[in-house]
Amino acid sequence: MRPVRVFYTKKDTAKYISHLDINRCFQRAIRRAGVSIWYTEGFNPHAYITFALPLSLGYESECETMDMRLLDEMPLEEVKERLNRALPEGLRVYRVAEPVEKPDAILWADYRVVLAAKGAEPGQAAEKLREYLSRETLPVIKRTKRGEKEIDLRPYLQLLEFSAGEEETELLLRLAAGGEMNVNPTLVLDSFCGACGMELEYVKVARTAVWDKKGEKFA
């Protein structure tokens, strides 16, 4: 039994596939591709596949991962090609490799965000957003399994890039990710809108990288 990690992108209409349906989609693709993997034991066995960092509905991604265990010897390039022939449009495997780090090593994730504000003067939303993200503290209400609690986003947020056009604002955010603290870009934007009295016309979000505790890309 050989553990492998599948690296794939999720784009276009695939961004509207929920995490639960992504799980089902990959199980079907694995069967159609003729890739033999390990199934759990018991009365109702199911494919043993795990996703390191589930993606929010409506987000695109250039760096998703799924782990599985191969039962038969097969070149990893062939596994990639077989899966790509079986996956629907918008899901594309770009690499299959043996895992290096466990998912609990994930610490940060990068998100490219493009947005436009509703009813705002050109540049107004960008100016307010830049000011908001520069504040020393960013108190927000975060929902957890135990209910709601107030946290300060400042230690869990880094603004890496900021570009303001006449209509759109584009930014690259690095946010805490993983089991210890997971910050969603929607939480940041909702907090900004509430604090600054803004309403967004549209938002496009894409995850571009995932980083481990060593400061290296998750692999």
C-alpha atoms as a PDB file:
ATOM      1  CA  MET A   1       0.000   0.000   0.000  1.00  0.00           C
ATOM      2  CA  ARG A   2       1.548   3.276  -1.159  1.00  0.00           C
ATOM      3  CA  PRO A   3       0.412   6.672   0.116  1.00  0.00           C
ATOM      4  CA  VAL A   4       0.276   9.363  -2.567  1.00  0.00           C
ATOM      5  CA  ARG A   5      -0.797  12.990  -2.693  1.00  0.00           C
ATOM      6  CA  VAL A   6      -2.815  14.315  -5.630  1.00  0.00           C
ATOM      7  CA  PHE A   7      -2.295  18.015  -6.426  1.00  0.00           C
ATOM      8  CA  TYR A   8      -5.079  19.604  -8.459  1.00  0.00           C
ATOM      9  CA  THR A   9      -6.681  22.877  -9.495  1.00  0.00           C
ATOM     10  CA  LYS A  10     -10.316  23.830  -9.050  1.00  0.00           C
ATOM     11  CA  LYS A  11     -11.479  26.532 -11.461  1.00  0.00           C
ATOM     12  CA  ASP A  12     -14.345  27.943 -13.512  1.00  0.00           C
ATOM     13  CA  THR A  13     -17.689  26.209 -12.866  1.00  0.00           C
ATOM     14  CA  ALA A  14     -15.999  23.649 -10.581  1.00  0.00           C
ATOM     15  CA  LYS A  15     -15.740  26.345  -7.919  1.00  0.00           C
ATOM     16  CA  TYR A  16     -19.459  25.824  -7.285  1.00  0.00           C
ATOM     17  CA  ILE A  17     -18.965  22.148  -6.375  1.00  0.00           C
ATOM     18  CA  SER A  18     -19.194  21.741  -2.602  1.00  0.00           C
ATOM     19  CA  HIS A  19     -16.500  19.971  -0.616  1.00  0.00           C
ATOM     20  CA  LEU A  20     -18.789  16.988  -0.018  1.00  0.00           C
ATOM     21  CA  ASP A  21     -19.466  16.687  -3.737  1.00  0.00           C
ATOM     22  CA  ILE A  22     -15.747  17.074  -4.526  1.00  0.00           C
ATOM     23  CA  ASN A  23     -15.178  14.023  -2.336  1.00  0.00           C
ATOM     24  CA  ARG A  24     -17.821  12.068  -4.257  1.00  0.00           C
ATOM     25  CA  CYS A  25     -16.518  13.364  -7.572  1.00  0.00           C
ATOM     26  CA  PHE A  26     -13.006  12.077  -6.885  1.00  0.00           C
ATOM     27  CA  GLN A  27     -14.304   8.717  -5.707  1.00  0.00           C
ATOM     28  CA  ARG A  28     -16.192   8.292  -8.988  1.00  0.00           C
ATOM     29  CA  ALA A  29     -13.184   9.471 -11.001  1.00  0.00           C
ATOM     30  CA  ILE A  30     -10.884   7.017  -9.227  1.00  0.00           C
ATOM     31  CA  ARG A  31     -13.225   4.137 -10.052  1.00  0.00           C
ATOM     32  CA  ARG A  32     -13.619   5.208 -13.691  1.00  0.00           C
ATOM     33  CA  ALA A  33      -9.860   5.675 -14.011  1.00  0.00           C
ATOM     34  CA  GLY A  34      -9.219   2.101 -12.888  1.00  0.00           C
ATOM     35  CA  VAL A  35      -6.928   3.232 -10.070  1.00  0.00           C
ATOM     36  CA  SER A  36      -6.973   0.696  -7.247  1.00  0.00           C
ATOM     37  CA  ILE A  37      -6.968   2.361  -3.816  1.00  0.00           C
ATOM     38  CA  TRP A  38      -7.472   1.255  -0.225  1.00  0.00           C
ATOM     39  CA  TYR A  39     -11.004   1.228   1.194  1.00  0.00           C
ATOM     40  CA  THR A  40     -11.943   1.389   4.852  1.00  0.00           C
ATOM     41  CA  GLU A  41     -13.043  -1.858   6.454  1.00  0.00           C
ATOM     42  CA  GLY A  42     -16.347  -2.609   8.149  1.00  0.00           C
ATOM     43  CA  PHE A  43     -20.017  -2.881   7.223  1.00  0.00           C
ATOM     44  CA  ASN A  44     -20.002   0.132   4.892  1.00  0.00           C
ATOM     45  CA  PRO A  45     -16.517   0.453   3.328  1.00  0.00           C
ATOM     46  CA  HIS A  46     -15.684   3.682   1.524  1.00  0.00           C
ATOM     47  CA  ALA A  47     -12.673   5.027  -0.321  1.00  0.00           C
ATOM     48  CA  TYR A  48      -9.984   6.270   2.036  1.00  0.00           C
ATOM     49  CA  ILE A  49      -9.282   9.731   0.620  1.00  0.00           C
ATOM     50  CA  THR A  50      -8.589  12.854   2.646  1.00  0.00           C
ATOM     51  CA  PHE A  51      -8.345  16.539   1.731  1.00  0.00           C
ATOM     52  CA  ALA A  52      -5.812  18.689   3.546  1.00  0.00           C
ATOM     53  CA  LEU A  53      -7.594  22.041   3.540  1.00  0.00           C
ATOM     54  CA  PRO A  54     -11.212  22.068   2.301  1.00  0.00           C
ATOM     55  CA  LEU A  55     -11.985  25.020   0.046  1.00  0.00           C
ATOM     56  CA  SER A  56     -14.964  27.306   0.563  1.00  0.00           C
ATOM     57  CA  LEU A  57     -17.768  27.148  -1.980  1.00  0.00           C
ATOM     58  CA  GLY A  58     -17.316  29.714  -4.747  1.00  0.00           C
ATOM     59  CA  TYR A  59     -13.525  29.904  -4.391  1.00  0.00           C
ATOM     60  CA  GLU A  60     -11.101  28.838  -7.092  1.00  0.00           C
ATOM     61  CA  SER A  61      -7.759  27.243  -6.300  1.00  0.00           C
ATOM     62  CA  GLU A  62      -4.425  26.533  -7.918  1.00  0.00           C
ATOM     63  CA  CYS A  63      -3.152  24.277  -5.126  1.00  0.00           C
ATOM     64  CA  GLU A  64      -5.630  21.716  -3.765  1.00  0.00           C
ATOM     65  CA  THR A  65      -4.460  18.355  -2.415  1.00  0.00           C
ATOM     66  CA  MET A  66      -6.036  14.973  -1.807  1.00  0.00           C
ATOM     67  CA  ASP A  67      -4.357  11.955  -0.191  1.00  0.00           C
ATOM     68  CA  MET A  68      -5.075   8.326  -1.026  1.00  0.00           C
ATOM     69  CA  ARG A  69      -3.344   4.933  -0.793  1.00  0.00           C
ATOM     70  CA  LEU A  70      -2.556   2.968  -3.933  1.00  0.00           C
ATOM     71  CA  LEU A  71      -2.923  -0.800  -3.748  1.00  0.00           C
ATOM     72  CA  ASP A  72      -1.268  -1.609  -7.095  1.00  0.00           C
ATOM     73  CA  GLU A  73       2.047  -0.449  -8.461  1.00  0.00           C
ATOM     74  CA  MET A  74       1.412   2.233 -11.069  1.00  0.00           C
ATOM     75  CA  PRO A  75       3.615   5.084 -12.333  1.00  0.00           C
ATOM     76  CA  LEU A  76       2.466   8.317 -10.705  1.00  0.00           C
ATOM     77  CA  GLU A  77       2.387  10.079 -14.060  1.00  0.00           C
ATOM     78  CA  GLU A  78      -0.070   7.445 -15.259  1.00  0.00           C
ATOM     79  CA  VAL A  79      -2.230   7.993 -12.161  1.00  0.00           C
ATOM     80  CA  LYS A  80      -2.336  11.697 -13.056  1.00  0.00           C
ATOM     81  CA  GLU A  81      -3.277  11.061 -16.672  1.00  0.00           C
ATOM     82  CA  ARG A  82      -5.976   8.539 -15.794  1.00  0.00           C
ATOM     83  CA  LEU A  83      -7.573  10.856 -13.242  1.00  0.00           C
ATOM     84  CA  ASN A  84      -7.583  13.788 -15.652  1.00  0.00           C
ATOM     85  CA  ARG A  85      -9.423  11.717 -18.237  1.00  0.00           C
ATOM     86  CA  ALA A  86     -12.090  10.873 -15.648  1.00  0.00           C
ATOM     87  CA  LEU A  87     -12.511  14.213 -13.862  1.00  0.00           C
ATOM     88  CA  PRO A  88     -15.094  16.823 -14.934  1.00  0.00           C
ATOM     89  CA  GLU A  89     -14.276  20.190 -16.434  1.00  0.00           C
ATOM     90  CA  GLY A  90     -12.710  22.590 -13.975  1.00  0.00           C
ATOM     91  CA  LEU A  91     -10.826  19.939 -11.981  1.00  0.00           C
ATOM     92  CA  ARG A  92      -7.324  19.222 -13.234  1.00  0.00           C
ATOM     93  CA  VAL A  93      -4.563  17.146 -11.611  1.00  0.00           C
ATOM     94  CA  TYR A  94      -1.137  18.704 -12.196  1.00  0.00           C
ATOM     95  CA  ARG A  95       1.001  16.428 -10.033  1.00  0.00           C
ATOM     96  CA  VAL A  96       0.907  13.149  -8.113  1.00  0.00           C
ATOM     97  CA  ALA A  97       3.687  12.512  -5.595  1.00  0.00           C
ATOM     98  CA  GLU A  98       4.480  10.837  -2.318  1.00  0.00           C
ATOM     99  CA  PRO A  99       3.505  13.063   0.636  1.00  0.00           C
ATOM    100  CA  VAL A 100       6.255  15.047   2.341  1.00  0.00           C
ATOM    101  CA  GLU A 101       4.394  16.747   5.205  1.00  0.00           C
ATOM    102  CA  LYS A 102       1.241  15.775   7.059  1.00  0.00           C
ATOM    103  CA  PRO A 103      -1.762  18.130   6.744  1.00  0.00           C
ATOM    104  CA  ASP A 104      -1.308  19.314  10.335  1.00  0.00           C
ATOM    105  CA  ALA A 105       1.910  21.022   9.170  1.00  0.00           C
ATOM    106  CA  ILE A 106      -0.134  23.626   7.254  1.00  0.00           C
ATOM    107  CA  LEU A 107       0.137  27.085   8.785  1.00  0.00           C
ATOM    108  CA  TRP A 108      -0.711  29.684   6.091  1.00  0.00           C
ATOM    109  CA  ALA A 109      -2.575  29.978   2.799  1.00  0.00           C
ATOM    110  CA  ASP A 110      -2.378  32.705   0.144  1.00  0.00           C
ATOM    111  CA  TYR A 111      -5.513  34.075  -1.532  1.00  0.00           C
ATOM    112  CA  ARG A 112      -5.775  36.404  -4.508  1.00  0.00           C
ATOM    113  CA  VAL A 113      -8.873  38.555  -4.111  1.00  0.00           C
ATOM    114  CA  VAL A 114     -10.442  40.786  -6.762  1.00  0.00           C
ATOM    115  CA  LEU A 115     -13.371  42.961  -5.686  1.00  0.00           C
ATOM    116  CA  ALA A 116     -15.493  45.945  -6.615  1.00  0.00           C
ATOM    117  CA  ALA A 117     -17.616  48.016  -4.259  1.00  0.00           C
ATOM    118  CA  LYS A 118     -21.232  48.900  -4.881  1.00  0.00           C
ATOM    119  CA  GLY A 119     -22.021  52.593  -5.271  1.00  0.00           C
ATOM    120  CA  ALA A 120     -18.512  53.752  -4.358  1.00  0.00           C
ATOM    121  CA  GLU A 121     -16.545  56.490  -6.075  1.00  0.00           C
ATOM    122  CA  PRO A 122     -13.501  55.325  -8.074  1.00  0.00           C
ATOM    123  CA  GLY A 123     -10.706  54.467  -5.649  1.00  0.00           C
ATOM    124  CA  GLN A 124     -12.856  54.993  -2.561  1.00  0.00           C
ATOM    125  CA  ALA A 125     -13.182  51.300  -1.692  1.00  0.00           C
ATOM    126  CA  ALA A 126      -9.478  50.695  -2.268  1.00  0.00           C
ATOM    127  CA  GLU A 127      -8.524  53.588   0.004  1.00  0.00           C
ATOM    128  CA  LYS A 128     -10.807  52.361   2.782  1.00  0.00           C
ATOM    129  CA  LEU A 129      -9.669  48.764   2.372  1.00  0.00           C
ATOM    130  CA  ARG A 130      -5.989  49.686   2.529  1.00  0.00           C
ATOM    131  CA  GLU A 131      -6.620  51.733   5.664  1.00  0.00           C
ATOM    132  CA  TYR A 132      -8.620  48.919   7.265  1.00  0.00           C
ATOM    133  CA  LEU A 133      -5.972  46.275   6.582  1.00  0.00           C
ATOM    134  CA  SER A 134      -3.299  48.587   8.053  1.00  0.00           C
ATOM    135  CA  ARG A 135      -4.982  48.904  11.443  1.00  0.00           C
ATOM    136  CA  GLU A 136      -3.072  47.710  14.495  1.00  0.00           C
ATOM    137  CA  THR A 137      -5.999  45.568  15.613  1.00  0.00           C
ATOM    138  CA  LEU A 138      -8.773  43.933  13.608  1.00  0.00           C
ATOM    139  CA  PRO A 139     -11.425  42.615  15.995  1.00  0.00           C
ATOM    140  CA  VAL A 140     -13.949  40.243  14.404  1.00  0.00           C
ATOM    141  CA  ILE A 141     -16.542  37.724  15.519  1.00  0.00           C
ATOM    142  CA  LYS A 142     -15.517  34.242  14.387  1.00  0.00           C
ATOM    143  CA  ARG A 143     -17.844  31.261  14.426  1.00  0.00           C
ATOM    144  CA  THR A 144     -16.370  28.095  15.922  1.00  0.00           C
ATOM    145  CA  LYS A 145     -17.707  24.671  16.822  1.00  0.00           C
ATOM    146  CA  ARG A 146     -18.280  25.977  20.340  1.00  0.00           C
ATOM    147  CA  GLY A 147     -20.141  29.080  19.201  1.00  0.00           C
ATOM    148  CA  GLU A 148     -18.979  32.610  18.460  1.00  0.00           C
ATOM    149  CA  LYS A 149     -15.991  34.409  19.898  1.00  0.00           C
ATOM    150  CA  GLU A 150     -14.163  37.656  19.244  1.00  0.00           C
ATOM    151  CA  ILE A 151     -10.627  37.430  17.921  1.00  0.00           C
ATOM    152  CA  ASP A 152      -8.067  39.886  16.619  1.00  0.00           C
ATOM    153  CA  LEU A 153      -7.274  39.105  12.975  1.00  0.00           C
ATOM    154  CA  ARG A 154      -4.013  41.077  13.023  1.00  0.00           C
ATOM    155  CA  PRO A 155      -1.684  38.157  13.959  1.00  0.00           C
ATOM    156  CA  TYR A 156      -3.387  35.912  11.397  1.00  0.00           C
ATOM    157  CA  LEU A 157      -3.363  38.229   8.372  1.00  0.00           C
ATOM    158  CA  GLN A 158      -0.641  39.577   6.098  1.00  0.00           C
ATOM    159  CA  LEU A 159      -1.198  41.868   3.120  1.00  0.00           C
ATOM    160  CA  LEU A 160       1.372  40.809   0.521  1.00  0.00           C
ATOM    161  CA  GLU A 161       0.193  42.786  -2.528  1.00  0.00           C
ATOM    162  CA  PHE A 162      -2.286  45.591  -3.153  1.00  0.00           C
ATOM    163  CA  SER A 163      -3.337  47.022  -6.514  1.00  0.00           C
ATOM    164  CA  ALA A 164      -6.091  49.588  -6.973  1.00  0.00           C
ATOM    165  CA  GLY A 165      -7.743  50.323 -10.311  1.00  0.00           C
ATOM    166  CA  GLU A 166     -10.600  52.665 -11.133  1.00  0.00           C
ATOM    167  CA  GLU A 167     -13.206  49.941 -10.693  1.00  0.00           C
ATOM    168  CA  GLU A 168     -11.487  46.887  -9.217  1.00  0.00           C
ATOM    169  CA  THR A 169      -9.148  46.337  -6.311  1.00  0.00           C
ATOM    170  CA  GLU A 170      -6.827  43.320  -6.275  1.00  0.00           C
ATOM    171  CA  LEU A 171      -4.941  42.050  -3.271  1.00  0.00           C
ATOM    172  CA  LEU A 172      -2.941  39.049  -2.167  1.00  0.00           C
ATOM    173  CA  LEU A 173      -3.640  37.963   1.395  1.00  0.00           C
ATOM    174  CA  ARG A 174      -1.752  35.462   3.490  1.00  0.00           C
ATOM    175  CA  LEU A 175      -4.091  34.062   6.122  1.00  0.00           C
ATOM    176  CA  ALA A 176      -3.682  31.574   8.943  1.00  0.00           C
ATOM    177  CA  ALA A 177      -4.775  28.111   7.851  1.00  0.00           C
ATOM    178  CA  GLY A 178      -4.983  24.647   9.308  1.00  0.00           C
ATOM    179  CA  GLY A 179      -6.198  23.095  12.519  1.00  0.00           C
ATOM    180  CA  GLU A 180      -4.923  25.665  15.016  1.00  0.00           C
ATOM    181  CA  MET A 181      -6.471  28.708  13.329  1.00  0.00           C
ATOM    182  CA  ASN A 182      -8.214  28.916   9.977  1.00  0.00           C
ATOM    183  CA  VAL A 183      -9.154  32.346   8.608  1.00  0.00           C
ATOM    184  CA  ASN A 184     -11.413  32.602   5.589  1.00  0.00           C
ATOM    185  CA  PRO A 185     -11.099  35.594   3.203  1.00  0.00           C
ATOM    186  CA  THR A 186     -14.870  36.045   3.495  1.00  0.00           C
ATOM    187  CA  LEU A 187     -14.435  36.729   7.211  1.00  0.00           C
ATOM    188  CA  VAL A 188     -11.918  39.474   6.407  1.00  0.00           C
ATOM    189  CA  LEU A 189     -14.125  41.086   3.754  1.00  0.00           C
ATOM    190  CA  ASP A 190     -17.301  40.878   5.833  1.00  0.00           C
ATOM    191  CA  SER A 191     -15.466  42.524   8.699  1.00  0.00           C
ATOM    192  CA  PHE A 192     -14.183  45.272   6.399  1.00  0.00           C
ATOM    193  CA  CYS A 193     -17.669  45.969   5.037  1.00  0.00           C
ATOM    194  CA  GLY A 194     -19.160  46.113   8.524  1.00  0.00           C
ATOM    195  CA  ALA A 195     -16.429  48.358   9.911  1.00  0.00           C
ATOM    196  CA  CYS A 196     -16.288  50.761   6.958  1.00  0.00           C
ATOM    197  CA  GLY A 197     -19.908  50.797   5.811  1.00  0.00           C
ATOM    198  CA  MET A 198     -19.138  49.323   2.399  1.00  0.00           C
ATOM    199  CA  GLU A 199     -21.103  46.917   0.226  1.00  0.00           C
ATOM    200  CA  LEU A 200     -19.355  44.788  -2.378  1.00  0.00           C
ATOM    201  CA  GLU A 201     -20.618  44.467  -5.951  1.00  0.00           C
ATOM    202  CA  TYR A 202     -18.686  41.248  -6.538  1.00  0.00           C
ATOM    203  CA  VAL A 203     -15.749  39.274  -5.169  1.00  0.00           C
ATOM    204  CA  LYS A 204     -13.511  36.700  -6.826  1.00  0.00           C
ATOM    205  CA  VAL A 205     -11.230  34.600  -4.629  1.00  0.00           C
ATOM    206  CA  ALA A 206      -8.553  32.084  -5.622  1.00  0.00           C
ATOM    207  CA  ARG A 207      -6.221  30.177  -3.332  1.00  0.00           C
ATOM    208  CA  THR A 208      -2.743  30.381  -4.835  1.00  0.00           C
ATOM    209  CA  ALA A 209      -0.428  28.679  -2.317  1.00  0.00           C
ATOM    210  CA  VAL A 210      -0.396  26.729   0.947  1.00  0.00           C
ATOM    211  CA  TRP A 211       2.572  26.970   3.337  1.00  0.00           C
ATOM    212  CA  ASP A 212       3.815  24.705   6.107  1.00  0.00           C
ATOM    213  CA  LYS A 213       5.413  25.507   9.457  1.00  0.00           C
ATOM    214  CA  LYS A 214       8.871  25.487   7.874  1.00  0.00           C
ATOM    215  CA  GLY A 215       7.890  28.292   5.539  1.00  0.00           C
ATOM    216  CA  GLU A 216       7.869  25.947   2.546  1.00  0.00           C
ATOM    217  CA  LYS A 217       5.037  25.150   0.165  1.00  0.00           C
ATOM    218  CA  PHE A 218       2.938  22.229   1.412  1.00  0.00           C
ATOM    219  CA  ALA A 219       3.925  19.066  -0.464  1.00  0.00           C
END
